Amino acid sequence: MHDYTKDTLPIPPGIPPSDEDAEADIDLIASPAQATALNFKVPLEYGGSRLDQALAKLLPEYSRSRLQEWVAQGQVTLNGATVTSKQKVWGGETLAVVPQSHPAEQPYQAEDIALDIVHQDDSIIVINKPVGLVVHPGSGNWQGTLLNALLHHDPALAEVPRAGIVHRLDKDTSGLLVVARTLVAQTSLVRQLQERTVRREYLALAHGEILRGGKVDQPIDRHPSMRTKMAVVEGGKPAVTHYAIVESFPGCTLLRCKLETGRTHQIRVHMAYLQHPLVGDHIYIKGAQRCPPQMRDTLLAFPRQALHAERLGLEHPHTGEWVEWQRDMPDDMQQLLDRIRGVARELD
């Protein structure tokens, strides 16, 4: 049986490896927004207007959508009673508004979430991120993230932008990720990401029988019509992915991928571009995939993209020494491969 942990794809001369989703731009952790109760008498000239229209005139510094959100959350009352955005006002009523900051404007909270810590010293923490853990708070995921877990694990990270996070993995991608514990370490890691000297290797299971390794050199940007997706787009940001075959099966191929550039979803987008989308990647799979019937159910049943950040190497921010870590793929992906090998033996 092929030992995938010993198969290493050489880096092209003069081209450093990169990160899948490097975040070189760092923003500060938001400071708390103070909520103050606001009271108004509805002007008589607003009579006959909808409540949301009156609110927009009384509080022009807030967006219409924000005001409507407050109404829906019961933070707006008219003569002491909760209301709807479409309710009419007639003038003279007492209007009370309790502004509530948006989650993005609130300080991030520490949460007791277990972390698989691979390495920790005074400068960095290396984490083996599990499937299902969002790295940084964002739309729809303001709590329960890696950032929240880091603030509980090391409260001093509240003083470091983004709690030391300098790059990300997708929610359903597992594997190694480094966090800075100090501003000095963060500066060093960001520089290395920008210079593309951080070495990361991914294991990816792709649909289809890929005959040989190769390179994808295609620009990536937001999908022109589906903004939650990325795509190969003319005029997008340069993106180059190298891939090597680790193990071949009827209907799918295990790959090791290295990146010259760090674009969001880069491996997923580039493999889909080659018409070999990752197994389980329901965002980028289009139509039926060619596969022996005996293998199809096994592949289609996998619930997330089969992608694992297996290896991580970087220059230590304090010592300057090159350091590396490796972690095997998680149980779900390993069990999938075991099932695939079993089916492949039956097909021989």
Protein backbone atom coordinates (compact mmCIF):
# COMPACT_ATOMS: atom_id res chain seq x y z
CA MET A 1 0.00 0.00 0.00
CA HIS A 2 1.25 3.43 -0.83
CA ASP A 3 2.61 5.40 2.16
CA TYR A 4 1.27 8.87 1.41
CA THR A 5 3.11 10.47 4.36
CA LYS A 6 6.43 9.94 2.60
CA ASP A 7 5.50 11.29 -0.81
CA THR A 8 6.74 14.87 -1.18
CA LEU A 9 6.23 17.04 -4.23
CA PRO A 10 9.38 19.07 -4.98
CA ILE A 11 9.07 22.85 -5.03
CA PRO A 12 9.86 24.35 -8.45
CA PRO A 13 13.24 26.13 -8.39
CA GLY A 14 13.01 29.73 -7.25
CA ILE A 15 9.29 29.47 -6.39
CA PRO A 16 8.48 29.35 -2.68
CA PRO A 17 5.41 27.48 -1.48
CA SER A 18 2.51 29.44 -0.16
CA ASP A 19 -0.63 29.42 1.94
CA GLU A 20 -4.11 28.53 0.75
CA ASP A 21 -5.82 31.53 2.31
CA ALA A 22 -3.20 33.94 3.65
CA GLU A 23 -4.53 36.97 5.51
CA ALA A 24 -1.75 39.51 5.31
CA ASP A 25 -4.01 42.42 6.10
CA ILE A 26 -4.63 42.54 9.84
CA ASP A 27 -7.46 44.39 11.50
CA LEU A 28 -7.78 45.18 15.18
CA ILE A 29 -10.21 43.34 17.40
CA ALA A 30 -13.26 45.54 17.63
CA SER A 31 -13.77 47.65 20.73
CA PRO A 32 -17.13 47.54 22.51
CA ALA A 33 -19.91 49.79 21.34
CA GLN A 34 -21.86 51.50 24.10
CA ALA A 35 -25.65 51.19 23.78
CA THR A 36 -27.66 54.18 25.06
CA ALA A 37 -31.47 54.30 25.19
CA LEU A 38 -32.86 56.97 22.83
CA ASN A 39 -36.29 58.54 23.33
CA PHE A 40 -38.25 60.65 20.86
CA LYS A 41 -41.60 62.24 20.33
CA VAL A 42 -42.73 61.39 16.83
CA PRO A 43 -43.06 64.74 14.99
CA LEU A 44 -46.57 65.52 13.79
CA GLU A 45 -45.32 65.98 10.23
CA TYR A 46 -44.35 62.27 10.19
CA GLY A 47 -48.02 61.31 10.60
CA GLY A 48 -49.06 58.59 8.20
CA SER A 49 -45.51 57.34 7.66
CA ARG A 50 -44.37 53.80 8.29
CA LEU A 51 -42.39 53.30 11.47
CA ASP A 52 -39.18 52.37 9.61
CA GLN A 53 -39.47 55.54 7.52
CA ALA A 54 -39.84 57.66 10.65
CA LEU A 55 -36.88 55.92 12.27
CA ALA A 56 -34.73 56.58 9.20
CA LYS A 57 -35.44 60.31 9.52
CA LEU A 58 -34.90 60.41 13.29
CA LEU A 59 -31.73 58.29 13.19
CA PRO A 60 -30.08 58.97 9.82
CA GLU A 61 -26.70 57.82 11.14
CA TYR A 62 -27.94 54.20 11.09
CA SER A 63 -28.74 52.15 8.01
CA ARG A 64 -32.34 51.25 7.17
CA SER A 65 -31.52 47.55 7.49
CA ARG A 66 -29.99 48.08 10.95
CA LEU A 67 -33.08 49.96 12.13
CA GLN A 68 -35.36 47.23 10.80
CA GLU A 69 -33.25 44.63 12.59
CA TRP A 70 -33.71 46.50 15.89
CA VAL A 71 -37.47 46.61 15.35
CA ALA A 72 -37.54 42.87 14.67
CA GLN A 73 -35.53 42.22 17.84
CA GLY A 74 -37.96 44.23 20.00
CA GLN A 75 -35.48 47.01 20.66
CA VAL A 76 -37.94 49.66 19.43
CA THR A 77 -41.20 50.48 21.26
CA LEU A 78 -44.01 52.88 20.46
CA ASN A 79 -45.89 54.13 23.52
CA GLY A 80 -44.27 51.29 25.42
CA ALA A 81 -45.38 48.53 23.04
CA THR A 82 -43.30 46.58 20.54
CA VAL A 83 -44.02 47.32 16.91
CA THR A 84 -43.36 46.22 13.33
CA SER A 85 -41.49 48.13 10.68
CA LYS A 86 -44.63 48.57 8.58
CA GLN A 87 -46.74 49.97 11.43
CA LYS A 88 -48.00 53.52 10.84
CA VAL A 89 -47.17 56.45 13.15
CA TRP A 90 -49.48 59.47 13.47
CA GLY A 91 -47.33 61.94 15.38
CA GLY A 92 -47.05 62.64 19.07
CA GLU A 93 -46.27 59.05 20.11
CA THR A 94 -43.36 58.23 22.40
CA LEU A 95 -40.74 56.29 20.51
CA ALA A 96 -37.96 54.47 22.42
CA VAL A 97 -34.96 52.90 20.71
CA VAL A 98 -32.27 50.82 22.41
CA PRO A 99 -29.43 50.55 19.87
CA GLN A 100 -27.64 47.24 19.76
CA SER A 101 -24.23 47.03 18.14
CA HIS A 102 -23.75 44.59 15.31
CA PRO A 103 -21.79 41.44 16.25
CA ALA A 104 -18.92 42.68 14.10
CA GLU A 105 -18.68 45.77 16.31
CA GLN A 106 -18.68 43.89 19.60
CA PRO A 107 -15.58 42.61 21.40
CA TYR A 108 -14.92 38.96 20.74
CA GLN A 109 -15.68 36.72 23.69
CA ALA A 110 -13.51 33.96 25.13
CA GLU A 111 -15.16 30.54 24.85
CA ASP A 112 -14.08 27.24 26.36
CA ILE A 113 -13.61 25.27 23.15
CA ALA A 114 -11.16 22.36 23.05
CA LEU A 115 -8.07 22.86 20.90
CA ASP A 116 -5.68 20.24 19.50
CA ILE A 117 -2.40 22.05 20.18
CA VAL A 118 0.51 20.56 18.25
CA HIS A 119 3.14 23.04 19.46
CA GLN A 120 3.27 26.06 21.74
CA ASP A 121 6.03 28.37 22.87
CA ASP A 122 6.33 32.04 23.81
CA SER A 123 5.95 33.15 20.17
CA ILE A 124 3.56 30.83 18.37
CA ILE A 125 0.84 28.23 18.75
CA VAL A 126 0.41 25.52 16.10
CA ILE A 127 -3.07 23.99 16.02
CA ASN A 128 -4.49 20.96 14.26
CA LYS A 129 -7.87 22.44 13.32
CA PRO A 130 -10.77 19.97 13.28
CA VAL A 131 -13.47 19.81 10.63
CA GLY A 132 -16.39 22.10 11.43
CA LEU A 133 -14.49 24.79 13.32
CA VAL A 134 -14.69 28.27 11.79
CA VAL A 135 -11.40 30.13 12.16
CA HIS A 136 -12.53 33.76 12.48
CA PRO A 137 -15.93 35.27 13.38
CA GLY A 138 -17.96 36.46 10.43
CA SER A 139 -21.42 36.53 8.95
CA GLY A 140 -23.48 33.75 10.52
CA ASN A 141 -20.59 32.61 12.73
CA TRP A 142 -20.04 35.24 15.41
CA GLN A 143 -19.38 32.70 18.15
CA GLY A 144 -17.86 29.25 18.50
CA THR A 145 -14.81 30.02 16.37
CA LEU A 146 -11.12 29.33 16.71
CA LEU A 147 -10.62 32.97 17.68
CA ASN A 148 -13.05 32.60 20.58
CA ALA A 149 -11.24 29.44 21.67
CA LEU A 150 -7.84 31.16 21.50
CA LEU A 151 -8.99 34.00 23.75
CA HIS A 152 -9.98 31.43 26.37
CA HIS A 153 -6.79 29.42 25.98
CA ASP A 154 -4.54 32.51 26.19
CA PRO A 155 -6.34 35.69 27.37
CA ALA A 156 -3.23 37.76 26.49
CA LEU A 157 -4.10 37.21 22.82
CA ALA A 158 -6.76 39.90 23.23
CA GLU A 159 -3.86 42.37 22.89
CA VAL A 160 -2.78 40.91 19.52
CA PRO A 161 -4.75 41.81 16.36
CA ARG A 162 -7.15 39.03 15.39
CA ALA A 163 -5.98 37.14 18.48
CA GLY A 164 -2.85 36.23 16.52
CA ILE A 165 -4.61 34.65 13.53
CA VAL A 166 -2.68 35.32 10.33
CA HIS A 167 -4.16 32.77 7.92
CA ARG A 168 -7.22 30.58 7.69
CA LEU A 169 -8.55 27.19 6.73
CA ASP A 170 -12.10 26.71 5.50
CA LYS A 171 -14.62 25.50 8.08
CA ASP A 172 -14.68 21.98 6.64
CA THR A 173 -10.97 21.75 5.89
CA SER A 174 -8.88 20.15 8.61
CA GLY A 175 -5.22 20.52 9.46
CA LEU A 176 -2.34 22.66 10.61
CA LEU A 177 -2.58 26.37 11.26
CA VAL A 178 -0.18 28.74 13.06
CA VAL A 179 -1.13 31.57 15.44
CA ALA A 180 1.12 34.38 16.68
CA ARG A 181 1.25 35.05 20.44
CA THR A 182 3.00 38.43 20.19
CA LEU A 183 3.01 41.41 17.85
CA VAL A 184 6.62 40.66 16.93
CA ALA A 185 5.73 37.08 16.00
CA GLN A 186 2.70 38.23 14.08
CA THR A 187 4.76 40.69 12.06
CA SER A 188 7.21 37.91 11.19
CA LEU A 189 4.48 35.45 10.17
CA VAL A 190 2.65 38.04 8.05
CA ARG A 191 5.92 38.88 6.31
CA GLN A 192 6.56 35.19 5.59
CA LEU A 193 3.05 34.76 4.20
CA GLN A 194 3.48 37.82 2.01
CA GLU A 195 6.82 36.53 0.75
CA ARG A 196 5.31 33.05 0.27
CA THR A 197 7.94 31.26 2.30
CA VAL A 198 5.52 29.47 4.62
CA ARG A 199 5.44 25.88 3.44
CA ARG A 200 2.11 24.07 3.52
CA GLU A 201 1.12 20.78 1.95
CA TYR A 202 -2.42 19.52 1.54
CA LEU A 203 -3.84 16.08 0.95
CA ALA A 204 -6.83 16.25 -1.38
CA LEU A 205 -9.08 13.51 -2.73
CA ALA A 206 -10.32 14.48 -6.19
CA HIS A 207 -12.99 12.98 -8.40
CA GLY A 208 -11.74 11.24 -11.54
CA GLU A 209 -8.63 9.32 -12.51
CA ILE A 210 -5.78 11.81 -12.84
CA LEU A 211 -2.94 10.29 -14.85
CA ARG A 212 -0.04 12.52 -13.84
CA GLY A 213 0.89 15.45 -11.65
CA GLY A 214 0.94 18.97 -12.97
CA LYS A 215 0.32 22.64 -12.41
CA VAL A 216 -2.70 24.91 -12.66
CA ASP A 217 -1.88 28.55 -13.45
CA GLN A 218 -5.23 30.35 -13.57
CA PRO A 219 -6.34 33.61 -11.88
CA ILE A 220 -8.94 33.44 -9.11
CA ASP A 221 -11.46 35.99 -7.89
CA ARG A 222 -15.02 36.20 -6.62
CA HIS A 223 -17.54 34.43 -8.84
CA PRO A 224 -19.14 37.12 -11.00
CA SER A 225 -22.71 36.20 -10.03
CA MET A 226 -22.44 33.98 -6.91
CA ARG A 227 -20.52 36.10 -4.44
CA THR A 228 -20.08 33.33 -1.86
CA LYS A 229 -18.03 31.34 -4.37
CA MET A 230 -14.63 31.85 -5.92
CA ALA A 231 -13.90 31.07 -9.57
CA VAL A 232 -11.26 31.17 -12.28
CA VAL A 233 -11.86 34.68 -13.58
CA GLU A 234 -10.02 36.54 -16.32
CA GLY A 235 -8.29 39.49 -14.67
CA GLY A 236 -8.45 37.86 -11.24
CA LYS A 237 -5.55 37.49 -8.83
CA PRO A 238 -2.70 35.26 -10.02
CA ALA A 239 -2.99 31.74 -8.62
CA VAL A 240 -0.76 28.71 -9.18
CA THR A 241 -1.29 25.23 -7.73
CA HIS A 242 1.08 22.27 -8.10
CA TYR A 243 -0.29 18.78 -7.55
CA ALA A 244 1.23 15.28 -7.44
CA ILE A 245 -0.43 11.88 -7.44
CA VAL A 246 -0.23 10.05 -4.13
CA GLU A 247 -2.57 7.13 -4.77
CA SER A 248 -4.87 6.26 -7.66
CA PHE A 249 -8.26 4.52 -7.51
CA PRO A 250 -11.08 3.76 -9.95
CA GLY A 251 -13.01 7.01 -10.08
CA CYS A 252 -10.87 9.16 -7.78
CA THR A 253 -7.29 10.20 -7.03
CA LEU A 254 -5.49 11.16 -3.82
CA LEU A 255 -3.26 14.20 -4.42
CA ARG A 256 -0.68 16.24 -2.57
CA CYS A 257 -1.02 19.93 -3.39
CA LYS A 258 1.38 22.83 -2.91
CA LEU A 259 0.64 26.43 -3.65
CA GLU A 260 2.71 29.23 -5.08
CA THR A 261 -0.03 31.72 -4.22
CA GLY A 262 -2.57 32.04 -1.43
CA ARG A 263 -6.10 32.58 -2.75
CA THR A 264 -9.33 31.73 -1.01
CA HIS A 265 -10.48 28.19 -1.94
CA GLN A 266 -7.52 27.92 -4.31
CA ILE A 267 -7.15 24.14 -4.34
CA ARG A 268 -10.91 23.62 -4.53
CA VAL A 269 -11.34 26.08 -7.41
CA HIS A 270 -8.35 24.88 -9.40
CA MET A 271 -9.29 21.21 -9.15
CA ALA A 272 -12.85 22.04 -10.19
CA TYR A 273 -11.38 23.99 -13.13
CA LEU A 274 -9.58 20.78 -14.18
CA GLN A 275 -12.95 19.00 -13.96
CA HIS A 276 -11.64 17.03 -11.01
CA PRO A 277 -13.49 18.65 -8.08
CA LEU A 278 -12.72 17.48 -4.59
CA VAL A 279 -14.81 14.66 -3.21
CA GLY A 280 -17.50 16.11 -0.93
CA ASP A 281 -17.07 19.66 -2.21
CA HIS A 282 -20.73 20.38 -2.87
CA ILE A 283 -20.04 24.04 -3.64
CA TYR A 284 -17.77 23.40 -6.61
CA ILE A 285 -19.07 20.08 -7.97
CA LYS A 286 -21.14 20.49 -11.13
CA GLY A 287 -23.20 17.61 -12.42
CA ALA A 288 -22.55 13.89 -12.18
CA GLN A 289 -18.95 12.71 -11.85
CA ARG A 290 -17.66 9.77 -13.86
CA CYS A 291 -17.20 6.89 -11.48
CA PRO A 292 -17.72 3.10 -11.32
CA PRO A 293 -21.18 2.45 -9.84
CA GLN A 294 -19.61 0.47 -6.97
CA MET A 295 -17.56 3.55 -5.98
CA ARG A 296 -20.19 6.25 -6.54
CA ASP A 297 -22.18 5.83 -3.33
CA THR A 298 -19.00 5.81 -1.23
CA LEU A 299 -17.79 9.10 -2.72
CA LEU A 300 -21.15 10.86 -2.76
CA ALA A 301 -21.80 10.04 0.89
CA PHE A 302 -18.78 12.02 2.14
CA PRO A 303 -20.26 15.18 3.69
CA ARG A 304 -17.43 17.72 3.31
CA GLN A 305 -14.56 18.58 0.98
CA ALA A 306 -11.86 15.93 1.34
CA LEU A 307 -9.02 18.37 2.04
CA HIS A 308 -6.47 18.30 4.87
CA ALA A 309 -3.56 20.65 5.59
CA GLU A 310 -1.08 17.93 6.45
CA ARG A 311 2.25 19.75 6.73
CA LEU A 312 3.36 23.18 7.89
CA GLY A 313 6.84 24.69 7.77
CA LEU A 314 8.07 28.18 8.61
CA GLU A 315 10.91 30.26 9.99
CA HIS A 316 10.44 30.52 13.73
CA PRO A 317 9.76 34.19 14.54
CA HIS A 318 12.10 34.18 17.56
CA THR A 319 14.92 31.75 16.77
CA GLY A 320 14.99 32.17 12.98
CA GLU A 321 15.27 28.40 12.64
CA TRP A 322 13.22 26.44 10.11
CA VAL A 323 10.59 24.35 11.90
CA GLU A 324 8.04 21.89 10.53
CA TRP A 325 5.05 19.91 11.75
CA GLN A 326 2.98 17.10 10.23
CA ARG A 327 -0.40 15.63 11.18
CA ASP A 328 -2.20 12.73 9.56
CA MET A 329 -5.61 13.25 7.99
CA PRO A 330 -8.56 13.03 10.40
CA ASP A 331 -10.50 9.83 11.00
CA ASP A 332 -13.35 10.62 8.61
CA MET A 333 -11.01 11.12 5.66
CA GLN A 334 -8.89 8.09 6.61
CA GLN A 335 -12.01 5.92 6.90
CA LEU A 336 -13.15 7.16 3.49
CA LEU A 337 -9.83 6.09 1.98
CA ASP A 338 -10.10 2.69 3.66
CA ARG A 339 -13.56 2.19 2.13
CA ILE A 340 -12.27 3.33 -1.26
CA ARG A 341 -9.38 0.86 -1.08
CA GLY A 342 -11.84 -1.90 -0.22
CA VAL A 343 -14.01 -1.09 -3.22
CA ALA A 344 -10.93 -0.86 -5.46
CA ARG A 345 -9.86 -4.36 -4.41
CA GLU A 346 -13.31 -5.69 -5.28
CA LEU A 347 -13.07 -4.10 -8.71
CA ASP A 348 -9.67 -5.68 -9.50
